[in-house]
Structure formats: C-alpha cells, structure tokens
Amino acid sequence: MGLKNFPGYRPTTSVLKTVDEPKRKKKFNWDRLFFIILLIWLVYFIGNKMYVNYAQISVNGQVILEKMSVNFTDEIRVKKMLVNEGDEVVAGDSLFSYVVAKPNEGRPSISQNQFDGNSNWFLREKMAITRQVELKKSDRKGIQTLIELKKQELEALKKRVYLGSELSHKIDPIKTEIQELENEKASLSSEINVLIHYLAKLQEQQELAIDAENERYQNEMKARADFNDIILFYTTPITGLIGQIQKEENEVCYKSESEN
C-alpha cells in the first residue's frame, strides 16, 4: 500500500539549496621548481663532462702568427697610441694617430745643389761647348801662324822675282794658299762665335731651370707645411695581435730607422 492511501498525506515538492564556496587559491610549489632546476643542471653537467671526455681532444700547441712591422717612407711624429701590447685587432682598426714630421731646417736648397738632376745636363753641355771653343781657338791660332809664314814667304819670293832670280808664276799659288787659310780662319771664327752664343744661351736656360726648380721646391715645402697640420690615422691591413710597441707618444719615427 502506498503513501498516497494514508489519511492526511499531502504531497509536496522538495527544494534543494546549494551554497557556492569560494575557490581556494592554489599554492605555488617551490620545491618542484627547485627540483626541476637541479635536474636540468645535473643533466647539463653530466652531458658536458661526457662531451669533454669523449668528444674533445686537448693537446699542447703553439700558434705562430706572421710578424708585420709598420714603417713609413717619410719621417712622422706619433700623436696618440690607440692600442696596447697584446691587444687583438682586426683589419681596418686604427692603431695610432700621427702627423708628418717637419723637414730639417738645415736641409740644403735647390740652389745649393744646382748640379743635381737635370742641371747635370747643363753642366756636361757647357763643358763640351767650352772644350770645342778652346780647340777651335787653338786651330785658328795655328792657321794664323801659317798665314804669317806664308806672307813672309810671299814677300821673300817677290824680292827674288824683282831681282830676277825667281819666276813670277810662283807668286799666285802662294797667294791662293794664303787666301784658303784666311777663309779657314774666318770659318773657325764664325763657328767660335756661334758656340759662344750657344754657351750664353745654355747659361741663361740653366738659370731659368734653377729658378723653376727653386719655385717648385718652395711650393712643395709649403704644401708639406700645410700637410703637417693634418692628423692622420694608421689602420691595420691585417687581423692579429699587437706585439712590441717601440715608439712612445709624441716621438719622431725617422726614415733612417725604417731603412735599417
């Protein structure tokens, strides 16, 4: 028999009520983090040891680097060193700054060395022309002596012709010889004048050449003086290590030291 048949039974609906509890914040597990970190470190340490012991071979060796010295064709003054001994540099790095050293004040000028270079040609040519002039003057003097002797011979012959001891036909050949000697003497005198004129032209051209060379030298010295005020930088053409530095800042590197 069911409940519905009992007197006084009244069916009702049941209501269930729920209460929402607040979410509990999960606590961070620091122990797990430390364990993971320790595990990773142990794996790396053991793996690195095994790689070093079984995959790498270590031996004693020596590295030989090509040595290169820095030399200049002109005298320079080091302004500032930008590297130290033992530094590693790559191609294109600046090693130091410098300026071109000023020339010595006691350096002789072009006028003091006028027989150097192209002036040697003037000297040789003048000496050759002077020698030719002296030889032709000597030849002319010898011809003049022959002319005087021939004239004396002609006068003596004329006297003998007047006296009747000689024939007159001998006079004309001697006159012809005298005339030929006179012509030869005149030709030598003309050549001597031409050579003397050429010698004067050589002297004039030499003086002009010396003046032009002096002007060129002065312009070059002025350009060098202007260039001395420019600070330059020396860059290495190769990669390597800096070895021994033999110069200090503001010290002059002479050309003679580079040649030794």
Protein backbone atom coordinates (compact mmCIF):
# COMPACT_ATOMS: atom_id res chain seq x y z
CA MET A 1 0.00 0.00 0.00
CA GLY A 2 1.46 3.30 -0.95
CA LEU A 3 1.77 6.53 0.98
CA LYS A 4 -0.96 8.12 -1.04
CA ASN A 5 -3.62 5.92 0.70
CA PHE A 6 -2.68 7.22 4.22
CA PRO A 7 -5.13 9.75 5.64
CA GLY A 8 -3.63 13.19 5.96
CA TYR A 9 -0.98 12.67 3.30
CA ARG A 10 -0.29 15.71 1.20
CA PRO A 11 2.31 15.54 -1.49
CA THR A 12 4.89 18.37 -1.54
CA THR A 13 7.89 19.19 -3.75
CA SER A 14 11.32 19.21 -2.18
CA VAL A 15 13.70 22.11 -2.79
CA LEU A 16 17.48 21.64 -2.63
CA LYS A 17 19.61 24.66 -1.86
CA THR A 18 23.39 24.87 -2.68
CA VAL A 19 25.98 27.25 -1.33
CA ASP A 20 28.85 28.35 -3.62
CA GLU A 21 32.09 28.05 -1.77
CA PRO A 22 34.94 30.48 -2.72
CA LYS A 23 37.71 28.96 -4.90
CA ARG A 24 40.79 28.09 -2.97
CA LYS A 25 43.99 29.67 -4.44
CA LYS A 26 46.43 27.01 -5.44
CA LYS A 27 49.74 27.41 -3.64
CA PHE A 28 52.87 27.60 -5.84
CA ASN A 29 55.10 24.56 -5.41
CA TRP A 30 58.60 25.94 -4.91
CA ASP A 31 60.01 22.53 -4.16
CA ARG A 32 59.01 21.29 -7.58
CA LEU A 33 60.71 24.33 -9.25
CA PHE A 34 63.94 23.76 -7.34
CA PHE A 35 63.84 20.07 -8.22
CA ILE A 36 63.38 20.83 -11.95
CA ILE A 37 66.24 23.36 -11.90
CA LEU A 38 68.51 20.92 -10.07
CA LEU A 39 67.59 18.18 -12.52
CA ILE A 40 68.36 20.38 -15.54
CA TRP A 41 71.72 21.41 -14.04
CA LEU A 42 72.64 17.80 -13.32
CA VAL A 43 71.75 16.76 -16.88
CA TYR A 44 73.84 19.65 -18.33
CA PHE A 45 76.78 18.96 -16.03
CA ILE A 46 76.85 15.23 -16.77
CA GLY A 47 76.36 15.83 -20.52
CA ASN A 48 79.13 18.46 -20.64
CA LYS A 49 81.53 16.14 -18.79
CA MET A 50 80.80 13.31 -21.18
CA TYR A 51 81.27 15.60 -24.21
CA VAL A 52 84.58 16.96 -22.93
CA ASN A 53 85.91 13.50 -22.01
CA TYR A 54 84.81 11.57 -25.09
CA ALA A 55 84.21 14.08 -27.92
CA GLN A 56 87.09 16.58 -27.45
CA ILE A 57 90.84 16.06 -27.63
CA SER A 58 93.12 18.55 -25.84
CA VAL A 59 96.80 18.82 -26.73
CA ASN A 60 99.53 21.38 -26.06
CA GLY A 61 100.27 23.55 -29.11
CA GLN A 62 101.76 26.82 -30.28
CA VAL A 63 100.18 29.40 -32.58
CA ILE A 64 102.65 31.10 -34.94
CA LEU A 65 101.49 34.47 -36.31
CA GLU A 66 103.09 36.29 -39.22
CA LYS A 67 105.06 39.29 -37.99
CA MET A 68 104.49 42.63 -39.67
CA SER A 69 106.36 45.85 -38.87
CA VAL A 70 104.95 49.32 -39.52
CA ASN A 71 107.37 51.55 -41.48
CA PHE A 72 106.97 54.88 -43.26
CA THR A 73 108.81 56.46 -46.20
CA ASP A 74 108.66 59.88 -44.51
CA GLU A 75 109.56 60.95 -41.00
CA ILE A 76 106.43 61.01 -38.80
CA ARG A 77 105.55 62.02 -35.24
CA VAL A 78 103.29 59.68 -33.28
CA LYS A 79 100.49 61.68 -31.67
CA LYS A 80 98.45 59.09 -29.74
CA MET A 81 98.59 55.30 -29.40
CA LEU A 82 95.14 53.74 -29.71
CA VAL A 83 96.15 50.16 -28.78
CA ASN A 84 98.35 48.41 -26.23
CA GLU A 85 100.71 45.46 -26.50
CA GLY A 86 98.80 42.19 -26.63
CA ASP A 87 95.55 43.72 -27.93
CA GLU A 88 93.72 41.82 -30.63
CA VAL A 89 92.83 43.86 -33.71
CA VAL A 90 91.01 43.19 -36.94
CA ALA A 91 91.71 44.63 -40.39
CA GLY A 92 90.60 48.25 -40.56
CA ASP A 93 91.15 49.10 -36.86
CA SER A 94 93.09 52.30 -36.14
CA LEU A 95 96.37 51.67 -34.31
CA PHE A 96 97.64 55.22 -33.73
CA SER A 97 97.36 58.79 -34.94
CA TYR A 98 100.32 60.68 -36.41
CA VAL A 99 101.48 63.73 -38.33
CA VAL A 100 104.23 64.02 -40.92
CA ALA A 101 107.35 65.42 -39.25
CA LYS A 102 108.61 68.78 -40.48
CA PRO A 103 111.77 68.72 -42.64
CA ASN A 104 115.08 69.69 -41.07
CA GLU A 105 115.90 73.36 -41.16
CA GLY A 106 119.45 72.62 -42.30
CA ARG A 107 118.33 70.86 -45.47
CA PRO A 108 120.14 72.37 -48.49
CA SER A 109 118.06 74.22 -51.05
CA ILE A 110 117.91 73.50 -54.75
CA SER A 111 120.30 76.38 -55.48
CA GLN A 112 122.96 74.71 -53.33
CA ASN A 113 122.50 71.50 -55.31
CA GLN A 114 122.04 73.07 -58.72
CA PHE A 115 124.15 70.37 -60.40
CA ASP A 116 121.84 67.58 -59.31
CA GLY A 117 119.16 66.07 -61.52
CA ASN A 118 118.50 67.90 -64.79
CA SER A 119 121.19 70.52 -64.08
CA ASN A 120 123.83 67.85 -64.71
CA TRP A 121 122.89 68.03 -68.38
CA PHE A 122 123.60 71.77 -68.44
CA LEU A 123 126.96 71.21 -66.78
CA ARG A 124 128.01 68.49 -69.23
CA GLU A 125 126.83 70.51 -72.23
CA LYS A 126 128.63 73.67 -71.09
CA MET A 127 131.85 71.75 -70.52
CA ALA A 128 131.61 70.16 -74.00
CA ILE A 129 130.95 73.52 -75.71
CA THR A 130 133.76 75.20 -73.79
CA ARG A 131 136.15 72.45 -74.90
CA GLN A 132 135.09 72.88 -78.53
CA VAL A 133 135.62 76.65 -78.31
CA GLU A 134 139.13 76.21 -76.91
CA LEU A 135 140.05 73.65 -79.59
CA LYS A 136 138.79 75.89 -82.41
CA LYS A 137 140.65 78.88 -80.95
CA SER A 138 143.80 76.79 -80.92
CA ASP A 139 143.21 75.75 -84.55
CA ARG A 140 142.61 79.37 -85.50
CA LYS A 141 145.82 80.43 -83.81
CA GLY A 142 147.73 77.74 -85.73
CA ILE A 143 146.20 78.91 -89.02
CA GLN A 144 147.12 82.48 -88.20
CA THR A 145 150.71 81.37 -87.70
CA LEU A 146 150.69 79.62 -91.11
CA ILE A 147 149.25 82.73 -92.74
CA GLU A 148 152.04 84.86 -91.32
CA LEU A 149 154.65 82.35 -92.50
CA LYS A 150 153.11 82.25 -95.99
CA LYS A 151 153.06 86.05 -96.14
CA GLN A 152 156.73 86.15 -95.19
CA GLU A 153 157.44 83.54 -97.87
CA LEU A 154 155.47 85.62 -100.40
CA GLU A 155 157.42 88.79 -99.61
CA ALA A 156 160.72 86.96 -99.96
CA LEU A 157 159.60 85.46 -103.29
CA LYS A 158 158.58 88.89 -104.60
CA LYS A 159 162.01 90.26 -103.79
CA ARG A 160 163.69 87.41 -105.65
CA VAL A 161 161.38 87.96 -108.62
CA TYR A 162 162.32 91.65 -108.66
CA LEU A 163 165.97 90.63 -108.62
CA GLY A 164 165.33 88.15 -111.44
CA SER A 165 166.36 85.07 -109.53
CA GLU A 166 162.84 83.60 -109.43
CA LEU A 167 159.98 83.37 -111.91
CA SER A 168 156.76 85.29 -111.22
CA HIS A 169 154.44 82.28 -111.74
CA LYS A 170 155.29 81.03 -108.24
CA ILE A 171 153.60 84.01 -106.64
CA ASP A 172 149.97 83.08 -107.46
CA PRO A 173 149.99 79.61 -105.77
CA ILE A 174 151.25 81.16 -102.55
CA LYS A 175 148.54 83.84 -102.70
CA THR A 176 145.96 81.07 -103.22
CA GLU A 177 147.21 79.20 -100.17
CA ILE A 178 147.09 82.38 -98.10
CA GLN A 179 143.50 83.03 -99.23
CA GLU A 180 142.45 79.47 -98.36
CA LEU A 181 143.98 79.84 -94.92
CA GLU A 182 142.20 83.18 -94.46
CA ASN A 183 138.88 81.55 -95.41
CA GLU A 184 139.50 78.67 -92.99
CA LYS A 185 140.37 81.16 -90.26
CA ALA A 186 137.14 83.10 -90.91
CA SER A 187 135.11 79.88 -90.81
CA LEU A 188 136.65 78.96 -87.46
CA SER A 189 135.95 82.45 -86.10
CA SER A 190 132.30 82.12 -87.19
CA GLU A 191 131.99 78.71 -85.51
CA ILE A 192 133.58 80.06 -82.35
CA ASN A 193 131.07 82.95 -82.25
CA VAL A 194 128.15 80.52 -82.68
CA LEU A 195 129.44 78.29 -79.89
CA ILE A 196 129.96 81.25 -77.56
CA HIS A 197 126.40 82.43 -78.30
CA TYR A 198 125.09 78.91 -77.61
CA LEU A 199 127.09 78.82 -74.37
CA ALA A 200 125.44 82.06 -73.24
CA LYS A 201 122.02 80.58 -74.08
CA LEU A 202 122.85 77.48 -72.04
CA GLN A 203 123.77 79.64 -69.06
CA GLU A 204 120.51 81.54 -69.39
CA GLN A 205 118.47 78.33 -69.67
CA GLN A 206 120.26 76.87 -66.66
CA GLU A 207 119.42 79.89 -64.54
CA LEU A 208 115.77 79.66 -65.63
CA ALA A 209 115.71 75.94 -64.81
CA ILE A 210 117.22 76.60 -61.37
CA ASP A 211 114.64 79.32 -60.69
CA ALA A 212 111.83 76.98 -61.75
CA GLU A 213 113.21 74.19 -59.56
CA ASN A 214 113.54 76.58 -56.62
CA GLU A 215 109.92 77.66 -57.08
CA ARG A 216 108.79 74.04 -57.27
CA TYR A 217 110.77 73.27 -54.12
CA GLN A 218 109.25 76.19 -52.24
CA ASN A 219 105.74 75.13 -53.29
CA GLU A 220 106.48 71.58 -52.16
CA MET A 221 107.75 72.78 -48.78
CA LYS A 222 104.67 74.95 -48.36
CA ALA A 223 102.42 72.01 -49.21
CA ARG A 224 104.34 69.84 -46.73
CA ALA A 225 103.98 72.51 -44.04
CA ASP A 226 100.22 72.63 -44.63
CA PHE A 227 100.09 68.83 -44.61
CA ASN A 228 101.93 68.71 -41.27
CA ASP A 229 98.89 70.22 -39.55
CA ILE A 230 96.66 67.29 -40.61
CA ILE A 231 96.34 64.44 -38.08
CA LEU A 232 96.26 61.08 -39.84
CA PHE A 233 95.33 57.62 -38.58
CA TYR A 234 97.13 54.39 -39.38
CA THR A 235 94.80 51.41 -39.84
CA THR A 236 95.99 47.82 -39.80
CA PRO A 237 95.60 45.93 -43.10
CA ILE A 238 95.52 42.51 -41.38
CA THR A 239 93.97 40.84 -38.34
CA GLY A 240 96.28 39.84 -35.50
CA LEU A 241 97.79 40.69 -32.12
CA ILE A 242 99.75 43.79 -31.20
CA GLY A 243 103.36 42.86 -30.46
CA GLN A 244 106.11 45.15 -29.20
CA ILE A 245 105.47 48.90 -29.43
CA GLN A 246 108.83 50.64 -29.82
CA LYS A 247 107.64 54.24 -30.00
CA GLU A 248 106.06 56.48 -27.42
CA GLU A 249 103.54 59.24 -27.97
CA ASN A 250 104.98 62.48 -29.46
CA GLU A 251 108.12 60.60 -30.51
CA VAL A 252 109.51 61.01 -34.04
CA CYS A 253 109.99 57.95 -36.23
CA TYR A 254 112.92 58.74 -38.53
CA LYS A 255 113.22 57.45 -42.10
CA SER A 256 116.74 56.11 -41.40
CA GLU A 257 115.34 53.87 -38.64
CA SER A 258 112.87 52.30 -41.08
CA GLU A 259 115.64 51.57 -43.60
CA ASN A 260 117.84 49.77 -41.06
